[in-house]
């Protein structure tokens, strides 16, 4: 879902991500007030490029951007709702090859945006309407990193575990596949009492 492809080739280029950020920002600004969009990503190298391009596009239309760093897609959905964001973007191609990447957009409810909203974003990307949206001075958006996103999500995940139950005495091997759960998976199990052997932790 969303936009996917080989990173740094059409449509997954920095130029396209910039335009998607501008178009998504224009769509998400429903009321005359500052709007906030959360951006999360997985651990692919190309995420740095796409994250920066999306951030620039969103800021250029007046959006405040919050950046979580590597976080699984459900974590992005949870954090955006916790922080009362107006929307979120996840940079990930899920199970696709490492060379690929993707952009997924979520509405205020934390769920994937409707197909008709995706269609409108696509229309804006290829139209000239975005050229008219040029806030200046203090109306340009800002970007800020959230330092505690991982900790927030770990606490949420632990809260879904049966109350009073622990994993003491269990030895659990976790293959993190160098993915976005590389920290959250082992830390969550460890905090629940398990002895964790974590493999493939390179972010």
N, C-alpha and C. Protein backbone atom coordinates (compact mmCIF):
# COMPACT_ATOMS: atom_id res chain seq x y z
N UNK A 1 0.84 -1.20 0.00
CA UNK A 1 0.00 0.00 0.00
C UNK A 1 0.88 1.24 0.00
N UNK A 2 0.29 2.39 -0.25
CA UNK A 2 1.07 3.62 -0.33
C UNK A 2 1.91 3.64 -1.59
N UNK A 3 3.14 4.14 -1.46
CA UNK A 3 4.06 4.22 -2.60
C UNK A 3 5.23 3.29 -2.31
N UNK A 4 5.59 2.44 -3.26
CA UNK A 4 6.73 1.55 -3.07
C UNK A 4 7.55 1.46 -4.34
N UNK A 5 8.84 1.14 -4.20
CA UNK A 5 9.69 0.95 -5.35
C UNK A 5 11.14 0.88 -4.93
N UNK A 6 12.01 0.68 -5.88
CA UNK A 6 13.44 0.65 -5.60
C UNK A 6 13.90 2.05 -5.21
N UNK A 7 14.55 2.16 -4.07
CA UNK A 7 14.93 3.47 -3.54
C UNK A 7 15.90 4.19 -4.48
N UNK A 8 15.65 5.46 -4.67
CA UNK A 8 16.43 6.37 -5.51
C UNK A 8 16.18 6.17 -7.00
N UNK A 9 15.11 5.44 -7.33
CA UNK A 9 14.61 5.38 -8.70
C UNK A 9 13.12 5.71 -8.63
N UNK A 10 12.58 6.23 -9.73
CA UNK A 10 11.17 6.62 -9.73
C UNK A 10 10.27 5.43 -9.38
N UNK A 11 9.27 5.59 -8.47
CA UNK A 11 8.85 6.84 -7.84
C UNK A 11 9.48 7.11 -6.46
N UNK A 12 10.40 6.24 -6.02
CA UNK A 12 10.94 6.40 -4.67
C UNK A 12 12.21 7.26 -4.69
N UNK A 13 12.07 8.49 -5.15
CA UNK A 13 13.20 9.42 -5.18
C UNK A 13 13.00 10.51 -4.14
N UNK A 14 14.08 11.24 -3.84
CA UNK A 14 13.98 12.37 -2.91
C UNK A 14 13.05 13.43 -3.47
N UNK A 15 13.11 13.64 -4.79
CA UNK A 15 12.24 14.66 -5.41
C UNK A 15 10.76 14.31 -5.24
N UNK A 16 10.44 13.03 -5.43
CA UNK A 16 9.05 12.61 -5.28
C UNK A 16 8.62 12.69 -3.82
N UNK A 17 9.51 12.29 -2.90
CA UNK A 17 9.17 12.37 -1.47
C UNK A 17 8.91 13.81 -1.05
N UNK A 18 9.68 14.74 -1.58
CA UNK A 18 9.46 16.16 -1.29
C UNK A 18 8.06 16.57 -1.72
N UNK A 19 7.65 16.17 -2.91
CA UNK A 19 6.33 16.53 -3.42
C UNK A 19 5.22 15.83 -2.63
N UNK A 20 5.45 14.58 -2.26
CA UNK A 20 4.46 13.85 -1.45
C UNK A 20 4.29 14.54 -0.10
N UNK A 21 5.41 14.99 0.49
CA UNK A 21 5.32 15.73 1.76
C UNK A 21 4.50 17.00 1.61
N UNK A 22 4.74 17.73 0.54
CA UNK A 22 3.97 18.96 0.30
C UNK A 22 2.49 18.66 0.10
N UNK A 23 2.21 17.65 -0.71
CA UNK A 23 0.81 17.30 -1.00
C UNK A 23 0.10 16.78 0.24
N UNK A 24 0.76 15.89 0.98
CA UNK A 24 0.15 15.36 2.20
C UNK A 24 -0.09 16.47 3.21
N UNK A 25 0.89 17.37 3.35
CA UNK A 25 0.72 18.49 4.27
C UNK A 25 -0.46 19.36 3.90
N UNK A 26 -0.63 19.61 2.60
CA UNK A 26 -1.76 20.42 2.14
C UNK A 26 -3.09 19.75 2.45
N UNK A 27 -3.13 18.42 2.31
CA UNK A 27 -4.37 17.66 2.56
C UNK A 27 -4.69 17.62 4.06
N UNK A 28 -3.66 17.41 4.89
CA UNK A 28 -3.89 17.24 6.33
C UNK A 28 -4.27 18.54 7.03
N UNK A 29 -3.98 19.69 6.44
CA UNK A 29 -4.31 20.96 7.09
C UNK A 29 -5.78 21.29 6.86
N UNK A 30 -6.61 20.79 7.76
CA UNK A 30 -8.06 20.95 7.60
C UNK A 30 -8.57 22.25 8.23
N UNK A 31 -7.94 22.66 9.31
CA UNK A 31 -8.39 23.87 10.01
C UNK A 31 -7.27 24.91 10.03
N UNK A 32 -7.65 26.13 10.35
CA UNK A 32 -6.68 27.23 10.38
C UNK A 32 -5.96 27.23 11.73
N UNK A 33 -5.05 26.29 11.89
CA UNK A 33 -4.25 26.15 13.11
C UNK A 33 -3.00 25.37 12.74
N UNK A 34 -1.99 25.38 13.59
CA UNK A 34 -0.80 24.58 13.31
C UNK A 34 -1.14 23.08 13.32
N UNK A 35 -0.65 22.36 12.34
CA UNK A 35 -0.88 20.92 12.25
C UNK A 35 0.44 20.17 12.44
N UNK A 36 0.33 18.95 12.99
CA UNK A 36 1.52 18.14 13.31
C UNK A 36 1.42 16.79 12.63
N UNK A 37 2.51 16.40 11.96
CA UNK A 37 2.61 15.10 11.32
C UNK A 37 3.81 14.36 11.89
N UNK A 38 3.61 13.11 12.26
CA UNK A 38 4.67 12.26 12.80
C UNK A 38 5.29 11.46 11.66
N UNK A 39 6.62 11.34 11.65
CA UNK A 39 7.30 10.50 10.67
C UNK A 39 8.12 9.43 11.39
N UNK A 40 7.86 8.18 11.04
CA UNK A 40 8.65 7.06 11.54
C UNK A 40 9.31 6.36 10.36
N UNK A 41 10.25 5.48 10.65
CA UNK A 41 10.96 4.79 9.56
C UNK A 41 11.49 3.45 10.05
N UNK A 42 11.88 2.61 9.07
CA UNK A 42 12.58 1.39 9.45
C UNK A 42 14.09 1.64 9.32
N UNK A 43 14.87 0.60 9.17
CA UNK A 43 16.32 0.76 9.25
C UNK A 43 17.02 0.77 7.89
N UNK A 44 16.29 0.87 6.80
CA UNK A 44 16.93 0.91 5.48
C UNK A 44 17.76 2.18 5.33
N UNK A 45 18.88 2.07 4.65
CA UNK A 45 19.75 3.22 4.45
C UNK A 45 19.00 4.36 3.75
N UNK A 46 18.16 4.03 2.80
CA UNK A 46 17.45 5.06 2.02
C UNK A 46 16.44 5.85 2.85
N UNK A 47 16.14 5.37 4.07
CA UNK A 47 15.19 6.10 4.92
C UNK A 47 15.69 7.50 5.27
N UNK A 48 17.02 7.66 5.41
CA UNK A 48 17.56 8.98 5.74
C UNK A 48 17.20 9.98 4.64
N UNK A 49 17.39 9.58 3.40
CA UNK A 49 17.11 10.43 2.25
C UNK A 49 15.63 10.79 2.18
N UNK A 50 14.78 9.78 2.31
CA UNK A 50 13.34 9.99 2.16
C UNK A 50 12.78 10.77 3.34
N UNK A 51 13.27 10.48 4.55
CA UNK A 51 12.83 11.20 5.75
C UNK A 51 13.11 12.70 5.62
N UNK A 52 14.31 13.04 5.19
CA UNK A 52 14.66 14.45 5.05
C UNK A 52 13.85 15.15 3.97
N UNK A 53 13.60 14.45 2.86
CA UNK A 53 12.81 15.04 1.79
C UNK A 53 11.36 15.25 2.22
N UNK A 54 10.77 14.26 2.87
CA UNK A 54 9.40 14.40 3.37
C UNK A 54 9.30 15.54 4.37
N UNK A 55 10.28 15.61 5.28
CA UNK A 55 10.29 16.67 6.29
C UNK A 55 10.34 18.04 5.64
N UNK A 56 11.22 18.20 4.64
CA UNK A 56 11.31 19.48 3.94
C UNK A 56 10.00 19.84 3.26
N UNK A 57 9.37 18.85 2.62
CA UNK A 57 8.10 19.11 1.95
C UNK A 57 7.01 19.52 2.92
N UNK A 58 6.91 18.82 4.04
CA UNK A 58 5.89 19.15 5.04
C UNK A 58 6.13 20.53 5.64
N UNK A 59 7.37 20.82 6.01
CA UNK A 59 7.68 22.12 6.60
C UNK A 59 7.39 23.25 5.61
N UNK A 60 7.59 22.99 4.33
CA UNK A 60 7.41 24.04 3.32
C UNK A 60 5.95 24.45 3.14
N UNK A 61 5.02 23.61 3.64
CA UNK A 61 3.60 24.00 3.58
C UNK A 61 3.06 24.32 4.97
N UNK A 62 3.97 24.48 5.96
CA UNK A 62 3.56 24.96 7.27
C UNK A 62 3.29 23.90 8.32
N UNK A 63 3.68 22.65 8.05
CA UNK A 63 3.43 21.55 9.00
C UNK A 63 4.55 21.45 10.03
N UNK A 64 4.17 21.17 11.28
CA UNK A 64 5.15 20.82 12.31
C UNK A 64 5.42 19.32 12.21
N UNK A 65 6.67 18.92 12.17
CA UNK A 65 7.04 17.52 11.98
C UNK A 65 7.69 16.97 13.24
N UNK A 66 7.26 15.78 13.64
CA UNK A 66 7.88 15.05 14.75
C UNK A 66 8.51 13.79 14.18
N UNK A 67 9.78 13.52 14.52
CA UNK A 67 10.52 12.41 13.97
C UNK A 67 10.82 11.39 15.07
N UNK A 68 10.43 10.13 14.85
CA UNK A 68 10.63 9.11 15.88
C UNK A 68 11.93 8.34 15.72
N UNK A 69 12.54 8.36 14.53
CA UNK A 69 13.63 7.44 14.25
C UNK A 69 13.05 6.06 13.98
N UNK A 70 13.90 5.00 13.99
CA UNK A 70 13.41 3.65 13.69
C UNK A 70 12.34 3.19 14.68
N UNK A 71 11.21 2.78 14.13
CA UNK A 71 10.07 2.34 14.93
C UNK A 71 9.20 1.47 14.03
N UNK A 72 8.64 0.36 14.55
CA UNK A 72 7.76 -0.46 13.72
C UNK A 72 6.48 0.30 13.37
N UNK A 73 5.84 -0.12 12.30
CA UNK A 73 4.65 0.58 11.83
C UNK A 73 3.56 0.70 12.91
N UNK A 74 3.23 -0.37 13.67
CA UNK A 74 2.24 -0.20 14.74
C UNK A 74 2.67 0.83 15.79
N UNK A 75 3.99 0.95 15.99
CA UNK A 75 4.50 1.94 16.94
C UNK A 75 4.25 3.35 16.47
N UNK A 76 4.41 3.58 15.18
CA UNK A 76 4.13 4.90 14.61
C UNK A 76 2.66 5.25 14.81
N UNK A 77 1.78 4.28 14.54
CA UNK A 77 0.34 4.49 14.73
C UNK A 77 0.02 4.82 16.18
N UNK A 78 0.64 4.08 17.13
CA UNK A 78 0.39 4.33 18.55
C UNK A 78 0.92 5.69 18.99
N UNK A 79 2.16 6.02 18.64
CA UNK A 79 2.77 7.27 19.08
C UNK A 79 2.02 8.47 18.51
N UNK A 80 1.58 8.39 17.26
CA UNK A 80 0.88 9.54 16.68
C UNK A 80 -0.44 9.80 17.39
N UNK A 81 -1.12 8.73 17.80
CA UNK A 81 -2.38 8.92 18.54
C UNK A 81 -2.10 9.42 19.95
N UNK A 82 -1.03 8.92 20.57
CA UNK A 82 -0.66 9.35 21.91
C UNK A 82 -0.33 10.84 21.94
N UNK A 83 0.31 11.33 20.89
CA UNK A 83 0.72 12.74 20.82
C UNK A 83 -0.33 13.63 20.14
N UNK A 84 -1.49 13.06 19.81
CA UNK A 84 -2.60 13.80 19.18
C UNK A 84 -2.18 14.46 17.87
N UNK A 85 -1.41 13.72 17.07
CA UNK A 85 -0.99 14.26 15.78
C UNK A 85 -2.14 14.25 14.78
N UNK A 86 -2.01 15.04 13.74
CA UNK A 86 -3.04 15.11 12.71
C UNK A 86 -2.87 14.04 11.64
N UNK A 87 -1.72 13.39 11.64
CA UNK A 87 -1.45 12.33 10.68
C UNK A 87 -0.06 11.78 10.91
N UNK A 88 0.29 10.75 10.16
CA UNK A 88 1.61 10.15 10.29
C UNK A 88 2.06 9.57 8.97
N UNK A 89 3.36 9.44 8.83
CA UNK A 89 3.95 8.81 7.65
C UNK A 89 4.96 7.78 8.12
N UNK A 90 4.86 6.57 7.57
CA UNK A 90 5.82 5.51 7.86
C UNK A 90 6.64 5.26 6.61
N UNK A 91 7.97 5.33 6.76
CA UNK A 91 8.87 5.06 5.64
C UNK A 91 9.35 3.62 5.78
N UNK A 92 8.81 2.75 4.95
CA UNK A 92 9.14 1.32 5.01
C UNK A 92 8.54 0.62 3.81
N UNK A 93 9.23 -0.42 3.35
CA UNK A 93 8.67 -1.27 2.31
C UNK A 93 8.33 -2.64 2.88
N UNK A 94 8.17 -2.70 4.21
CA UNK A 94 7.78 -3.93 4.90
C UNK A 94 8.68 -5.11 4.52
N UNK A 95 8.09 -6.14 3.91
CA UNK A 95 8.84 -7.36 3.61
C UNK A 95 9.62 -7.27 2.30
N UNK A 96 9.50 -6.17 1.59
CA UNK A 96 10.24 -6.03 0.33
C UNK A 96 11.75 -6.05 0.58
N UNK A 97 12.51 -6.23 -0.49
CA UNK A 97 13.97 -6.30 -0.40
C UNK A 97 14.55 -5.00 0.18
N UNK A 98 15.75 -5.11 0.74
CA UNK A 98 16.42 -3.98 1.38
C UNK A 98 16.58 -2.80 0.42
N UNK A 99 16.76 -3.07 -0.87
CA UNK A 99 16.97 -2.01 -1.85
C UNK A 99 15.71 -1.18 -2.09
N UNK A 100 14.55 -1.71 -1.73
CA UNK A 100 13.28 -1.01 -1.92
C UNK A 100 12.98 -0.10 -0.73
N UNK A 101 11.99 0.75 -0.92
CA UNK A 101 11.45 1.50 0.21
C UNK A 101 10.04 1.93 -0.15
N UNK A 102 9.34 2.50 0.83
CA UNK A 102 7.96 2.90 0.60
C UNK A 102 7.52 4.00 1.54
N UNK A 103 6.40 4.60 1.21
CA UNK A 103 5.81 5.67 2.03
C UNK A 103 4.35 5.30 2.29
N UNK A 104 4.00 5.16 3.58
CA UNK A 104 2.62 4.87 3.97
C UNK A 104 2.09 6.05 4.76
N UNK A 105 0.85 6.43 4.51
CA UNK A 105 0.26 7.58 5.20
C UNK A 105 -0.91 7.15 6.07
N UNK A 106 -0.96 7.74 7.28
CA UNK A 106 -2.01 7.43 8.25
C UNK A 106 -2.79 8.70 8.60
N UNK A 107 -4.09 8.55 8.78
CA UNK A 107 -4.94 9.66 9.18
C UNK A 107 -4.89 9.88 10.67
N UNK A 108 -5.69 10.81 11.14
CA UNK A 108 -5.69 11.19 12.56
C UNK A 108 -6.06 10.03 13.48
N UNK A 109 -6.80 9.04 12.95
CA UNK A 109 -7.22 7.90 13.76
C UNK A 109 -6.14 6.83 13.88
N UNK A 110 -5.00 7.03 13.21
CA UNK A 110 -3.92 6.06 13.28
C UNK A 110 -4.02 4.95 12.26
N UNK A 111 -5.04 5.00 11.39
CA UNK A 111 -5.21 3.99 10.36
C UNK A 111 -4.83 4.54 8.99
N UNK A 112 -4.56 3.64 8.06
CA UNK A 112 -4.20 4.02 6.70
C UNK A 112 -5.26 4.96 6.12
N UNK A 113 -4.81 5.98 5.41
CA UNK A 113 -5.75 6.93 4.82
C UNK A 113 -6.58 6.23 3.74
N UNK A 114 -7.76 6.78 3.49
CA UNK A 114 -8.67 6.19 2.50
C UNK A 114 -8.09 6.31 1.09
N UNK A 115 -8.52 5.43 0.21
CA UNK A 115 -8.02 5.42 -1.16
C UNK A 115 -8.27 6.75 -1.86
N UNK A 116 -9.43 7.36 -1.55
CA UNK A 116 -9.74 8.64 -2.22
C UNK A 116 -8.80 9.76 -1.77
N UNK A 117 -8.32 9.68 -0.52
CA UNK A 117 -7.35 10.67 -0.04
C UNK A 117 -6.00 10.45 -0.73
N UNK A 118 -5.60 9.17 -0.87
CA UNK A 118 -4.37 8.87 -1.62
C UNK A 118 -4.46 9.39 -3.05
N UNK A 119 -5.64 9.23 -3.65
CA UNK A 119 -5.84 9.71 -5.03
C UNK A 119 -5.69 11.22 -5.11
N UNK A 120 -6.20 11.93 -4.08
CA UNK A 120 -6.10 13.39 -4.08
C UNK A 120 -4.65 13.83 -3.89
N UNK A 121 -3.91 13.12 -3.03
CA UNK A 121 -2.49 13.43 -2.86
C UNK A 121 -1.74 13.22 -4.17
N UNK A 122 -2.04 12.12 -4.85
CA UNK A 122 -1.40 11.84 -6.13
C UNK A 122 -1.72 12.93 -7.15
N UNK A 123 -2.98 13.37 -7.15
CA UNK A 123 -3.36 14.43 -8.09
C UNK A 123 -2.58 15.71 -7.82
N UNK A 124 -2.45 16.06 -6.53
CA UNK A 124 -1.73 17.28 -6.16
C UNK A 124 -0.25 17.20 -6.53
N UNK A 125 0.35 16.02 -6.35
CA UNK A 125 1.77 15.85 -6.66
C UNK A 125 2.06 16.23 -8.11
N UNK A 126 1.14 15.87 -9.00
CA UNK A 126 1.37 16.10 -10.42
C UNK A 126 0.65 17.33 -10.97
N UNK A 127 0.09 18.14 -10.07
CA UNK A 127 -0.56 19.38 -10.51
C UNK A 127 0.34 20.56 -10.16
N UNK A 128 -0.10 21.75 -10.50
CA UNK A 128 0.65 22.96 -10.16
C UNK A 128 0.05 23.70 -8.97
N UNK A 129 -0.95 23.09 -8.33
CA UNK A 129 -1.64 23.75 -7.22
C UNK A 129 -0.72 23.98 -6.02
N UNK A 130 0.23 23.07 -5.81
CA UNK A 130 1.11 23.19 -4.65
C UNK A 130 2.00 24.43 -4.74
N UNK A 131 2.23 24.93 -5.95
CA UNK A 131 3.06 26.11 -6.11
C UNK A 131 2.45 27.34 -5.44
N UNK A 132 1.13 27.29 -5.20
CA UNK A 132 0.45 28.43 -4.59
C UNK A 132 0.55 28.42 -3.07
N UNK A 133 0.99 27.29 -2.52
CA UNK A 133 1.08 27.16 -1.05
C UNK A 133 2.51 27.45 -0.63
N UNK A 134 2.76 28.68 -0.22
CA UNK A 134 4.11 29.11 0.13
C UNK A 134 4.10 29.96 1.41
N UNK A 135 3.88 29.34 2.57
CA UNK A 135 3.93 30.12 3.81
C UNK A 135 5.33 30.70 4.02
N UNK A 136 5.40 31.84 4.68
CA UNK A 136 6.68 32.48 4.91
C UNK A 136 6.85 32.81 6.40
N UNK A 137 8.07 33.20 6.74
CA UNK A 137 8.42 33.64 8.11
C UNK A 137 7.98 32.60 9.13
N UNK A 138 7.23 33.04 10.17
CA UNK A 138 6.89 32.14 11.26
C UNK A 138 5.87 31.08 10.87
N UNK A 139 5.30 31.16 9.68
CA UNK A 139 4.31 30.17 9.25
C UNK A 139 4.96 28.94 8.60
N UNK A 140 6.25 28.98 8.34
CA UNK A 140 6.96 27.80 7.85
C UNK A 140 7.03 26.78 8.98
N UNK A 141 6.91 25.50 8.63
CA UNK A 141 6.89 24.46 9.65
C UNK A 141 8.24 24.21 10.29
N UNK A 142 8.22 23.44 11.37
CA UNK A 142 9.44 23.09 12.10
C UNK A 142 9.54 21.56 12.20
N UNK A 143 10.71 21.07 12.58
CA UNK A 143 10.91 19.63 12.76
C UNK A 143 11.64 19.37 14.06
N UNK A 144 11.23 18.31 14.77
CA UNK A 144 11.83 17.99 16.06
C UNK A 144 11.87 16.48 16.25
N UNK A 145 12.98 15.98 16.79
CA UNK A 145 13.09 14.55 17.09
C UNK A 145 12.48 14.24 18.45
N UNK A 146 11.77 13.11 18.52
CA UNK A 146 11.21 12.64 19.79
C UNK A 146 12.18 11.63 20.38
N UNK A 147 12.74 11.95 21.52
CA UNK A 147 13.76 11.09 22.10
C UNK A 147 13.20 9.85 22.79
N UNK A 148 11.93 9.90 23.21
CA UNK A 148 11.40 8.81 24.03
C UNK A 148 10.38 7.94 23.29
N UNK A 149 10.37 7.97 21.94
CA UNK A 149 9.38 7.19 21.19
C UNK A 149 9.51 5.69 21.46
N UNK A 150 10.74 5.20 21.46
CA UNK A 150 10.97 3.77 21.69
C UNK A 150 10.49 3.37 23.08
N UNK A 151 10.85 4.16 24.09
CA UNK A 151 10.42 3.87 25.46
C UNK A 151 8.91 3.89 25.61
N UNK A 152 8.26 4.86 24.98
CA UNK A 152 6.80 4.94 25.03
C UNK A 152 6.16 3.68 24.46
N UNK A 153 6.70 3.23 23.33
CA UNK A 153 6.10 2.05 22.68
C UNK A 153 6.37 0.78 23.48
N UNK A 154 7.57 0.67 24.07
CA UNK A 154 7.85 -0.50 24.91
C UNK A 154 6.85 -0.58 26.06
N UNK A 155 6.57 0.55 26.70
CA UNK A 155 5.59 0.55 27.81
C UNK A 155 4.21 0.13 27.32
N UNK A 156 3.83 0.58 26.14
CA UNK A 156 2.53 0.18 25.56
C UNK A 156 2.50 -1.33 25.31
N UNK A 157 3.56 -1.86 24.71
CA UNK A 157 3.60 -3.29 24.41
C UNK A 157 3.56 -4.11 25.69
N UNK A 158 4.31 -3.70 26.70
CA UNK A 158 4.30 -4.43 27.98
C UNK A 158 2.91 -4.42 28.61
N UNK A 159 2.18 -3.32 28.42
CA UNK A 159 0.84 -3.21 29.01
C UNK A 159 -0.15 -4.18 28.38
N UNK A 160 0.17 -4.71 27.19
CA UNK A 160 -0.72 -5.69 26.56
C UNK A 160 -0.48 -7.10 27.09
N UNK A 161 0.61 -7.29 27.85
CA UNK A 161 0.93 -8.59 28.44
C UNK A 161 0.02 -8.82 29.64
N UNK A 162 -0.43 -10.05 29.89
CA UNK A 162 -1.32 -10.30 31.04
C UNK A 162 -0.75 -9.75 32.34
N UNK A 163 -1.56 -9.06 33.10
CA UNK A 163 -1.12 -8.41 34.33
C UNK A 163 -0.57 -9.44 35.31
N UNK A 164 0.60 -9.14 35.85
CA UNK A 164 1.21 -10.04 36.83
C UNK A 164 2.05 -11.14 36.22
N UNK A 165 1.91 -11.39 34.93
CA UNK A 165 2.69 -12.46 34.30
C UNK A 165 4.07 -11.95 33.93
N UNK A 166 5.09 -12.79 34.15
CA UNK A 166 6.45 -12.44 33.81
C UNK A 166 7.10 -13.58 33.03
N UNK A 167 8.27 -13.33 32.50
CA UNK A 167 8.98 -14.32 31.70
C UNK A 167 10.24 -14.83 32.40
N UNK A 168 10.29 -14.66 33.72
CA UNK A 168 11.46 -15.11 34.48
C UNK A 168 11.73 -16.59 34.22
N UNK A 169 13.02 -16.92 34.05
CA UNK A 169 13.41 -18.31 33.84
C UNK A 169 13.40 -18.75 32.39
N UNK A 170 12.86 -17.93 31.51
CA UNK A 170 12.84 -18.28 30.09
C UNK A 170 14.03 -17.65 29.38
N UNK A 171 14.63 -18.42 28.49
CA UNK A 171 15.69 -17.91 27.63
C UNK A 171 15.12 -17.82 26.22
N UNK A 172 15.07 -16.61 25.66
CA UNK A 172 14.42 -16.38 24.37
C UNK A 172 15.43 -15.84 23.37
N UNK A 173 15.51 -16.51 22.22
CA UNK A 173 16.36 -16.04 21.13
C UNK A 173 15.50 -15.22 20.17
N UNK A 174 15.94 -14.00 19.89
CA UNK A 174 15.19 -13.10 19.02
C UNK A 174 16.05 -12.73 17.81
N UNK A 175 15.58 -13.09 16.63
CA UNK A 175 16.26 -12.65 15.41
C UNK A 175 15.60 -11.35 14.96
N UNK A 176 16.26 -10.23 15.15
CA UNK A 176 15.69 -8.91 14.85
C UNK A 176 15.80 -8.55 13.37
N UNK A 177 16.53 -9.35 12.60
CA UNK A 177 16.64 -9.17 11.15
C UNK A 177 17.10 -7.76 10.78
N UNK A 178 17.81 -7.10 11.69
CA UNK A 178 18.28 -5.72 11.47
C UNK A 178 17.14 -4.77 11.13
N UNK A 179 15.95 -5.07 11.62
CA UNK A 179 14.77 -4.27 11.30
C UNK A 179 14.40 -3.28 12.39
N UNK A 180 13.23 -2.68 12.25
CA UNK A 180 12.83 -1.59 13.14
C UNK A 180 12.52 -2.05 14.56
N UNK A 181 12.42 -3.36 14.79
CA UNK A 181 12.20 -3.88 16.15
C UNK A 181 13.51 -4.26 16.84
N UNK A 182 14.64 -3.86 16.25
CA UNK A 182 15.94 -4.33 16.74
C UNK A 182 16.18 -3.95 18.21
N UNK A 183 15.59 -2.89 18.67
CA UNK A 183 15.75 -2.47 20.07
C UNK A 183 14.52 -2.84 20.90
N UNK A 184 13.34 -2.59 20.34
CA UNK A 184 12.09 -2.78 21.08
C UNK A 184 11.86 -4.23 21.45
N UNK A 185 12.09 -5.15 20.50
CA UNK A 185 11.84 -6.57 20.77
C UNK A 185 12.65 -7.09 21.95
N UNK A 186 13.99 -7.03 21.88
CA UNK A 186 14.80 -7.54 23.00
C UNK A 186 14.55 -6.80 24.31
N UNK A 187 14.43 -5.47 24.26
CA UNK A 187 14.23 -4.70 25.50
C UNK A 187 12.90 -5.04 26.16
N UNK A 188 11.85 -5.22 25.38
CA UNK A 188 10.54 -5.55 25.94
C UNK A 188 10.58 -6.89 26.65
N UNK A 189 11.14 -7.90 25.99
CA UNK A 189 11.21 -9.24 26.58
C UNK A 189 12.10 -9.24 27.82
N UNK A 190 13.20 -8.49 27.76
CA UNK A 190 14.11 -8.40 28.90
C UNK A 190 13.43 -7.74 30.09
N UNK A 191 12.69 -6.67 29.84
CA UNK A 191 12.00 -5.97 30.94
C UNK A 191 10.89 -6.82 31.55
N UNK A 192 10.43 -7.82 30.80
CA UNK A 192 9.42 -8.74 31.34
C UNK A 192 10.07 -9.93 32.05
N UNK A 193 11.41 -9.91 32.13
CA UNK A 193 12.10 -10.91 32.94
C UNK A 193 12.84 -12.00 32.18
N UNK A 194 12.74 -12.04 30.87
CA UNK A 194 13.39 -13.11 30.10
C UNK A 194 14.87 -12.84 29.94
N UNK A 195 15.63 -13.93 29.78
CA UNK A 195 17.02 -13.82 29.36
C UNK A 195 16.98 -13.81 27.82
N UNK A 196 17.45 -12.76 27.22
CA UNK A 196 17.31 -12.56 25.78
C UNK A 196 18.63 -12.73 25.07
N UNK A 197 18.62 -13.53 24.03
CA UNK A 197 19.75 -13.64 23.12
C UNK A 197 19.29 -13.00 21.81
N UNK A 198 19.81 -11.82 21.52
CA UNK A 198 19.34 -11.08 20.35
C UNK A 198 20.35 -11.19 19.21
N UNK A 199 19.83 -11.49 18.03
CA UNK A 199 20.66 -11.62 16.84
C UNK A 199 20.33 -10.53 15.83
N UNK A 200 21.31 -10.17 15.02
CA UNK A 200 21.11 -9.22 13.92
C UNK A 200 20.50 -7.90 14.42
N UNK A 201 21.30 -7.19 15.20
CA UNK A 201 20.85 -5.95 15.83
C UNK A 201 21.34 -4.69 15.13
N UNK A 202 21.98 -4.83 13.98
CA UNK A 202 22.54 -3.64 13.33
C UNK A 202 21.44 -2.78 12.74
N UNK A 203 21.33 -1.52 13.18
CA UNK A 203 20.26 -0.65 12.70
C UNK A 203 20.61 -0.12 11.31
